[in-house]
C-alpha cells in the first residue's frame, strides 16, 4: 500500500489534529499516513486523537528541534 504524507509544521492546535482527521478520512483502509510537524503539544494531541479513535501508531520520532514524525495506518 502507498504512504501518504501530511506536513503540519507551523500549524497550532487544534489545526494539526483536524488536518490529520481530514487526511485519514480521504485515505483507503490499509494505507499508511506519515505526519510531520513541530511542537510538544501538537505531537501529544495528534497521538492522543489517533489512540482515542482506534488508530494504531506504527512509529513516532522527535528530534532536538522539537520536530516530530508520527506514522499510522488507516483502518
PDB file of N, CA and C in Angstrom:
ATOM      1  N   UNK A   1       0.834  -1.193   0.000  1.00  0.00           N
ATOM      2  CA  UNK A   1       0.000   0.000   0.000  1.00  0.00           C
ATOM      3  C   UNK A   1       0.872   1.248   0.000  1.00  0.00           C
ATOM      4  N   UNK A   2       0.303   2.318  -0.427  1.00  0.00           N
ATOM      5  CA  UNK A   2       1.052   3.564  -0.528  1.00  0.00           C
ATOM      6  C   UNK A   2       1.127   4.289   0.810  1.00  0.00           C
ATOM      7  N   UNK A   3       2.103   5.169   0.901  1.00  0.00           N
ATOM      8  CA  UNK A   3       2.287   6.005   2.085  1.00  0.00           C
ATOM      9  C   UNK A   3       1.878   7.428   1.716  1.00  0.00           C
ATOM     10  N   UNK A   4       0.923   7.959   2.447  1.00  0.00           N
ATOM     11  CA  UNK A   4       0.501   9.343   2.279  1.00  0.00           C
ATOM     12  C   UNK A   4       1.279  10.195   3.274  1.00  0.00           C
ATOM     13  N   UNK A   5       1.539  11.438   2.917  1.00  0.00           N
ATOM     14  CA  UNK A   5       2.297  12.331   3.796  1.00  0.00           C
ATOM     15  C   UNK A   5       1.460  13.558   4.117  1.00  0.00           C
ATOM     16  N   UNK A   6       1.598  14.023   5.369  1.00  0.00           N
ATOM     17  CA  UNK A   6       0.906  15.221   5.822  1.00  0.00           C
ATOM     18  C   UNK A   6       1.889  16.055   6.630  1.00  0.00           C
ATOM     19  N   UNK A   7       2.116  17.284   6.193  1.00  0.00           N
ATOM     20  CA  UNK A   7       3.027  18.199   6.882  1.00  0.00           C
ATOM     21  C   UNK A   7       2.189  19.238   7.617  1.00  0.00           C
ATOM     22  N   UNK A   8       2.290  19.252   8.953  1.00  0.00           N
ATOM     23  CA  UNK A   8       1.530  20.205   9.764  1.00  0.00           C
ATOM     24  C   UNK A   8       2.458  21.213  10.453  1.00  0.00           C
ATOM     25  N   UNK A   9       3.673  21.339   9.943  1.00  0.00           N
ATOM     26  CA  UNK A   9       4.621  22.294  10.524  1.00  0.00           C
ATOM     27  C   UNK A   9       4.053  23.710  10.428  1.00  0.00           C
ATOM     28  N   UNK A  10       4.264  24.481  11.493  1.00  0.00           N
ATOM     29  CA  UNK A  10       3.795  25.856  11.524  1.00  0.00           C
ATOM     30  C   UNK A  10       2.338  26.013  11.888  1.00  0.00           C
ATOM     31  N   UNK A  11       1.643  24.909  12.108  1.00  0.00           N
ATOM     32  CA  UNK A  11       0.226  24.950  12.480  1.00  0.00           C
ATOM     33  C   UNK A  11       0.099  24.716  13.985  1.00  0.00           C
ATOM     34  N   UNK A  12      -0.806  25.438  14.610  1.00  0.00           N
ATOM     35  CA  UNK A  12      -1.027  25.293  16.045  1.00  0.00           C
ATOM     36  C   UNK A  12      -2.321  24.534  16.294  1.00  0.00           C
ATOM     37  N   UNK A  13      -2.363  23.784  17.401  1.00  0.00           N
ATOM     38  CA  UNK A  13      -3.563  23.024  17.756  1.00  0.00           C
ATOM     39  C   UNK A  13      -4.748  23.965  17.897  1.00  0.00           C
ATOM     40  N   UNK A  14      -5.890  23.507  17.425  1.00  0.00           N
ATOM     41  CA  UNK A  14      -6.246  22.139  17.040  1.00  0.00           C
ATOM     42  C   UNK A  14      -6.088  21.836  15.547  1.00  0.00           C
ATOM     43  N   UNK A  15      -5.485  22.718  14.780  1.00  0.00           N
ATOM     44  CA  UNK A  15      -5.383  22.535  13.329  1.00  0.00           C
ATOM     45  C   UNK A  15      -4.678  21.236  12.931  1.00  0.00           C
ATOM     46  N   UNK A  16      -3.519  20.856  13.531  1.00  0.00           N
ATOM     47  CA  UNK A  16      -2.876  19.601  13.125  1.00  0.00           C
ATOM     48  C   UNK A  16      -3.766  18.365  13.321  1.00  0.00           C
ATOM     49  N   UNK A  17      -4.543  18.353  14.397  1.00  0.00           N
ATOM     50  CA  UNK A  17      -5.456  17.222  14.630  1.00  0.00           C
ATOM     51  C   UNK A  17      -6.552  17.221  13.573  1.00  0.00           C
ATOM     52  N   UNK A  18      -7.114  18.388  13.271  1.00  0.00           N
ATOM     53  CA  UNK A  18      -8.173  18.477  12.260  1.00  0.00           C
ATOM     54  C   UNK A  18      -7.662  18.055  10.883  1.00  0.00           C
ATOM     55  N   UNK A  19      -6.443  18.465  10.537  1.00  0.00           N
ATOM     56  CA  UNK A  19      -5.865  18.078   9.247  1.00  0.00           C
ATOM     57  C   UNK A  19      -5.596  16.578   9.189  1.00  0.00           C
ATOM     58  N   UNK A  20      -5.153  16.009  10.310  1.00  0.00           N
ATOM     59  CA  UNK A  20      -4.926  14.566  10.387  1.00  0.00           C
ATOM     60  C   UNK A  20      -6.232  13.812  10.186  1.00  0.00           C
ATOM     61  N   UNK A  21      -7.270  14.244  10.865  1.00  0.00           N
ATOM     62  CA  UNK A  21      -8.593  13.613  10.742  1.00  0.00           C
ATOM     63  C   UNK A  21      -9.092  13.676   9.301  1.00  0.00           C
ATOM     64  N   UNK A  22      -8.958  14.842   8.669  1.00  0.00           N
ATOM     65  CA  UNK A  22      -9.411  15.022   7.288  1.00  0.00           C
ATOM     66  C   UNK A  22      -8.629  14.130   6.332  1.00  0.00           C
ATOM     67  N   UNK A  23      -7.318  14.091   6.503  1.00  0.00           N
ATOM     68  CA  UNK A  23      -6.477  13.279   5.611  1.00  0.00           C
ATOM     69  C   UNK A  23      -6.817  11.801   5.730  1.00  0.00           C
ATOM     70  N   UNK A  24      -6.979  11.319   6.959  1.00  0.00           N
ATOM     71  CA  UNK A  24      -7.318   9.906   7.157  1.00  0.00           C
ATOM     72  C   UNK A  24      -8.675   9.567   6.539  1.00  0.00           C
ATOM     73  N   UNK A  25      -9.617  10.497   6.585  1.00  0.00           N
ATOM     74  CA  UNK A  25     -10.942  10.264   6.003  1.00  0.00           C
ATOM     75  C   UNK A  25     -10.864  10.090   4.487  1.00  0.00           C
ATOM     76  N   UNK A  26      -9.867  10.700   3.861  1.00  0.00           N
ATOM     77  CA  UNK A  26      -9.696  10.617   2.404  1.00  0.00           C
ATOM     78  C   UNK A  26      -8.971   9.350   1.960  1.00  0.00           C
ATOM     79  N   UNK A  27      -8.340   8.667   2.891  1.00  0.00           N
ATOM     80  CA  UNK A  27      -7.483   7.531   2.550  1.00  0.00           C
ATOM     81  C   UNK A  27      -8.253   6.215   2.523  1.00  0.00           C
ATOM     82  N   UNK A  28      -7.644   5.207   1.886  1.00  0.00           N
ATOM     83  CA  UNK A  28      -8.194   3.861   1.838  1.00  0.00           C
ATOM     84  C   UNK A  28      -7.687   3.044   3.021  1.00  0.00           C
ATOM     85  N   UNK A  29      -8.474   2.079   3.464  1.00  0.00           N
ATOM     86  CA  UNK A  29      -8.064   1.184   4.550  1.00  0.00           C
ATOM     87  C   UNK A  29      -6.751   0.503   4.178  1.00  0.00           C
ATOM     88  N   UNK A  30      -5.840   0.433   5.135  1.00  0.00           N
ATOM     89  CA  UNK A  30      -4.559  -0.209   4.928  1.00  0.00           C
ATOM     90  C   UNK A  30      -3.447   0.743   4.514  1.00  0.00           C
ATOM     91  N   UNK A  31      -3.794   1.944   4.082  1.00  0.00           N
ATOM     92  CA  UNK A  31      -2.765   2.918   3.717  1.00  0.00           C
ATOM     93  C   UNK A  31      -2.108   3.475   4.981  1.00  0.00           C
ATOM     94  N   UNK A  32      -0.864   3.890   4.837  1.00  0.00           N
ATOM     95  CA  UNK A  32      -0.111   4.477   5.945  1.00  0.00           C
ATOM     96  C   UNK A  32      -0.063   5.991   5.775  1.00  0.00           C
ATOM     97  N   UNK A  33      -0.212   6.698   6.884  1.00  0.00           N
ATOM     98  CA  UNK A  33      -0.094   8.150   6.898  1.00  0.00           C
ATOM     99  C   UNK A  33       1.120   8.525   7.730  1.00  0.00           C
ATOM    100  N   UNK A  34       1.991   9.334   7.148  1.00  0.00           N
ATOM    101  CA  UNK A  34       3.172   9.843   7.838  1.00  0.00           C
ATOM    102  C   UNK A  34       2.964  11.345   8.078  1.00  0.00           C
ATOM    103  N   UNK A  35       2.846  11.709   9.347  1.00  0.00           N
ATOM    104  CA  UNK A  35       2.587  13.095   9.734  1.00  0.00           C
ATOM    105  C   UNK A  35       3.888  13.700  10.240  1.00  0.00           C
ATOM    106  N   UNK A  36       4.262  14.852   9.706  1.00  0.00           N
ATOM    107  CA  UNK A  36       5.430  15.568  10.201  1.00  0.00           C
ATOM    108  C   UNK A  36       4.971  16.924  10.716  1.00  0.00           C
ATOM    109  N   UNK A  37       5.590  17.344  11.810  1.00  0.00           N
ATOM    110  CA  UNK A  37       5.204  18.616  12.396  1.00  0.00           C
ATOM    111  C   UNK A  37       6.205  19.054  13.442  1.00  0.00           C
ATOM    112  N   UNK A  38       5.777  20.026  14.239  1.00  0.00           N
ATOM    113  CA  UNK A  38       6.640  20.536  15.288  1.00  0.00           C
ATOM    114  C   UNK A  38       5.792  20.947  16.481  1.00  0.00           C
ATOM    115  N   UNK A  39       6.383  20.835  17.668  1.00  0.00           N
ATOM    116  CA  UNK A  39       5.706  21.251  18.884  1.00  0.00           C
ATOM    117  C   UNK A  39       5.307  20.078  19.754  1.00  0.00           C
ATOM    118  N   UNK A  40       5.564  20.201  21.035  1.00  0.00           N
ATOM    119  CA  UNK A  40       5.230  19.147  22.001  1.00  0.00           C
ATOM    120  C   UNK A  40       3.720  18.938  22.096  1.00  0.00           C
ATOM    121  N   UNK A  41       2.973  20.028  22.182  1.00  0.00           N
ATOM    122  CA  UNK A  41       1.516  19.933  22.299  1.00  0.00           C
ATOM    123  C   UNK A  41       0.919  19.248  21.076  1.00  0.00           C
ATOM    124  N   UNK A  42       1.356  19.642  19.904  1.00  0.00           N
ATOM    125  CA  UNK A  42       0.849  19.047  18.670  1.00  0.00           C
ATOM    126  C   UNK A  42       1.198  17.561  18.592  1.00  0.00           C
ATOM    127  N   UNK A  43       2.425  17.210  18.969  1.00  0.00           N
ATOM    128  CA  UNK A  43       2.877  15.815  18.995  1.00  0.00           C
ATOM    129  C   UNK A  43       1.972  14.986  19.903  1.00  0.00           C
ATOM    130  N   UNK A  44       1.727  15.478  21.110  1.00  0.00           N
ATOM    131  CA  UNK A  44       0.888  14.757  22.078  1.00  0.00           C
ATOM    132  C   UNK A  44      -0.567  14.680  21.630  1.00  0.00           C
ATOM    133  N   UNK A  45      -1.116  15.791  21.140  1.00  0.00           N
ATOM    134  CA  UNK A  45      -2.533  15.819  20.769  1.00  0.00           C
ATOM    135  C   UNK A  45      -2.846  14.922  19.577  1.00  0.00           C
ATOM    136  N   UNK A  46      -1.966  14.896  18.586  1.00  0.00           N
ATOM    137  CA  UNK A  46      -2.205  14.004  17.439  1.00  0.00           C
ATOM    138  C   UNK A  46      -2.181  12.550  17.895  1.00  0.00           C
ATOM    139  N   UNK A  47      -1.209  12.186  18.707  1.00  0.00           N
ATOM    140  CA  UNK A  47      -1.141  10.804  19.196  1.00  0.00           C
ATOM    141  C   UNK A  47      -2.383  10.450  20.022  1.00  0.00           C
ATOM    142  N   UNK A  48      -2.806  11.359  20.882  1.00  0.00           N
ATOM    143  CA  UNK A  48      -3.982  11.115  21.721  1.00  0.00           C
ATOM    144  C   UNK A  48      -5.221  10.931  20.851  1.00  0.00           C
ATOM    145  N   UNK A  49      -5.393  11.782  19.839  1.00  0.00           N
ATOM    146  CA  UNK A  49      -6.555  11.663  18.961  1.00  0.00           C
ATOM    147  C   UNK A  49      -6.533  10.326  18.224  1.00  0.00           C
ATOM    148  N   UNK A  50      -5.366   9.941  17.700  1.00  0.00           N
ATOM    149  CA  UNK A  50      -5.260   8.661  16.993  1.00  0.00           C
ATOM    150  C   UNK A  50      -5.648   7.507  17.903  1.00  0.00           C
ATOM    151  N   UNK A  51      -5.099   7.468  19.109  1.00  0.00           N
ATOM    152  CA  UNK A  51      -5.393   6.381  20.049  1.00  0.00           C
ATOM    153  C   UNK A  51      -6.867   6.365  20.430  1.00  0.00           C
ATOM    154  N   UNK A  52      -7.442   7.548  20.701  1.00  0.00           N
ATOM    155  CA  UNK A  52      -8.848   7.640  21.106  1.00  0.00           C
ATOM    156  C   UNK A  52      -9.804   7.242  19.994  1.00  0.00           C
ATOM    157  N   UNK A  53      -9.332   7.268  18.754  1.00  0.00           N
ATOM    158  CA  UNK A  53     -10.181   6.919  17.620  1.00  0.00           C
ATOM    159  C   UNK A  53      -9.819   5.581  16.993  1.00  0.00           C
ATOM    160  N   UNK A  54      -9.065   4.772  17.708  1.00  0.00           N
ATOM    161  CA  UNK A  54      -8.805   3.400  17.301  1.00  0.00           C
ATOM    162  C   UNK A  54      -7.709   3.198  16.273  1.00  0.00           C
ATOM    163  N   UNK A  55      -6.897   4.210  16.031  1.00  0.00           N
ATOM    164  CA  UNK A  55      -5.799   4.060  15.083  1.00  0.00           C
ATOM    165  C   UNK A  55      -4.574   3.513  15.796  1.00  0.00           C
ATOM    166  N   UNK A  56      -3.846   2.661  15.091  1.00  0.00           N
ATOM    167  CA  UNK A  56      -2.603   2.115  15.624  1.00  0.00           C
ATOM    168  C   UNK A  56      -1.455   3.006  15.187  1.00  0.00           C
ATOM    169  N   UNK A  57      -0.665   3.437  16.152  1.00  0.00           N
ATOM    170  CA  UNK A  57       0.524   4.231  15.839  1.00  0.00           C
ATOM    171  C   UNK A  57       1.659   3.262  15.550  1.00  0.00           C
ATOM    172  N   UNK A  58       2.215   3.357  14.360  1.00  0.00           N
ATOM    173  CA  UNK A  58       3.268   2.452  13.926  1.00  0.00           C
ATOM    174  C   UNK A  58       4.618   2.901  14.472  1.00  0.00           C
ATOM    175  N   UNK A  59       4.870   4.207  14.381  1.00  0.00           N
ATOM    176  CA  UNK A  59       6.185   4.719  14.768  1.00  0.00           C
ATOM    177  C   UNK A  59       6.068   6.200  15.102  1.00  0.00           C
ATOM    178  N   UNK A  60       6.852   6.631  16.082  1.00  0.00           N
ATOM    179  CA  UNK A  60       6.972   8.060  16.379  1.00  0.00           C
ATOM    180  C   UNK A  60       8.445   8.385  16.556  1.00  0.00           C
ATOM    181  N   UNK A  61       8.797   9.611  16.222  1.00  0.00           N
ATOM    182  CA  UNK A  61      10.152  10.084  16.478  1.00  0.00           C
ATOM    183  C   UNK A  61      10.088  11.588  16.674  1.00  0.00           C
ATOM    184  N   UNK A  62      11.052  12.088  17.447  1.00  0.00           N
ATOM    185  CA  UNK A  62      11.129  13.520  17.702  1.00  0.00           C
ATOM    186  C   UNK A  62      12.600  13.876  17.820  1.00  0.00           C
ATOM    187  N   UNK A  63      12.980  15.028  17.255  1.00  0.00           N
ATOM    188  CA  UNK A  63      14.378  15.434  17.326  1.00  0.00           C
ATOM    189  C   UNK A  63      14.566  16.581  18.321  1.00  0.00           C
ATOM    190  N   UNK A  64      15.783  17.047  18.447  1.00  0.00           N
ATOM    191  CA  UNK A  64      16.114  18.098  19.414  1.00  0.00           C
ATOM    192  C   UNK A  64      15.509  19.449  19.053  1.00  0.00           C
ATOM    193  N   UNK A  65      15.064  19.629  17.823  1.00  0.00           N
ATOM    194  CA  UNK A  65      14.440  20.881  17.392  1.00  0.00           C
ATOM    195  C   UNK A  65      12.932  20.862  17.591  1.00  0.00           C
ATOM    196  N   UNK A  66      12.431  19.826  18.301  1.00  0.00           N
ATOM    197  CA  UNK A  66      11.007  19.658  18.589  1.00  0.00           C
ATOM    198  C   UNK A  66      10.190  19.348  17.338  1.00  0.00           C
ATOM    199  N   UNK A  67      10.867  18.860  16.286  1.00  0.00           N
ATOM    200  CA  UNK A  67      10.152  18.385  15.109  1.00  0.00           C
ATOM    201  C   UNK A  67       9.857  16.902  15.300  1.00  0.00           C
ATOM    202  N   UNK A  68       8.707  16.473  14.791  1.00  0.00           N
ATOM    203  CA  UNK A  68       8.295  15.089  15.020  1.00  0.00           C
ATOM    204  C   UNK A  68       7.797  14.434  13.746  1.00  0.00           C
ATOM    205  N   UNK A  69       7.704  13.104  13.838  1.00  0.00           N
ATOM    206  CA  UNK A  69       7.100  12.285  12.790  1.00  0.00           C
ATOM    207  C   UNK A  69       6.251  11.224  13.481  1.00  0.00           C
ATOM    208  N   UNK A  70       5.033  11.053  12.994  1.00  0.00           N
ATOM    209  CA  UNK A  70       4.126  10.023  13.512  1.00  0.00           C
ATOM    210  C   UNK A  70       3.612   9.245  12.304  1.00  0.00           C
ATOM    211  N   UNK A  71       3.708   7.922  12.372  1.00  0.00           N
ATOM    212  CA  UNK A  71       3.162   7.079  11.296  1.00  0.00           C
ATOM    213  C   UNK A  71       2.011   6.255  11.857  1.00  0.00           C
ATOM    214  N   UNK A  72       0.915   6.189  11.100  1.00  0.00           N
ATOM    215  CA  UNK A  72      -0.248   5.421  11.496  1.00  0.00           C
ATOM    216  C   UNK A  72      -0.852   4.760  10.260  1.00  0.00           C
ATOM    217  N   UNK A  73      -1.716   3.799  10.474  1.00  0.00           N
ATOM    218  CA  UNK A  73      -2.373   3.092   9.380  1.00  0.00           C
ATOM    219  C   UNK A  73      -3.860   3.358   9.418  1.00  0.00           C
ATOM    220  N   UNK A  74      -4.439   3.636   8.262  1.00  0.00           N
ATOM    221  CA  UNK A  74      -5.882   3.826   8.143  1.00  0.00           C
ATOM    222  C   UNK A  74      -6.569   2.481   8.363  1.00  0.00           C
ATOM    223  N   UNK A  75      -7.598   2.459   9.174  1.00  0.00           N
ATOM    224  CA  UNK A  75      -8.336   1.212   9.431  1.00  0.00           C
ATOM    225  C   UNK A  75      -9.687   1.222   8.765  1.00  0.00           C
TER     226      UNK A  75
END
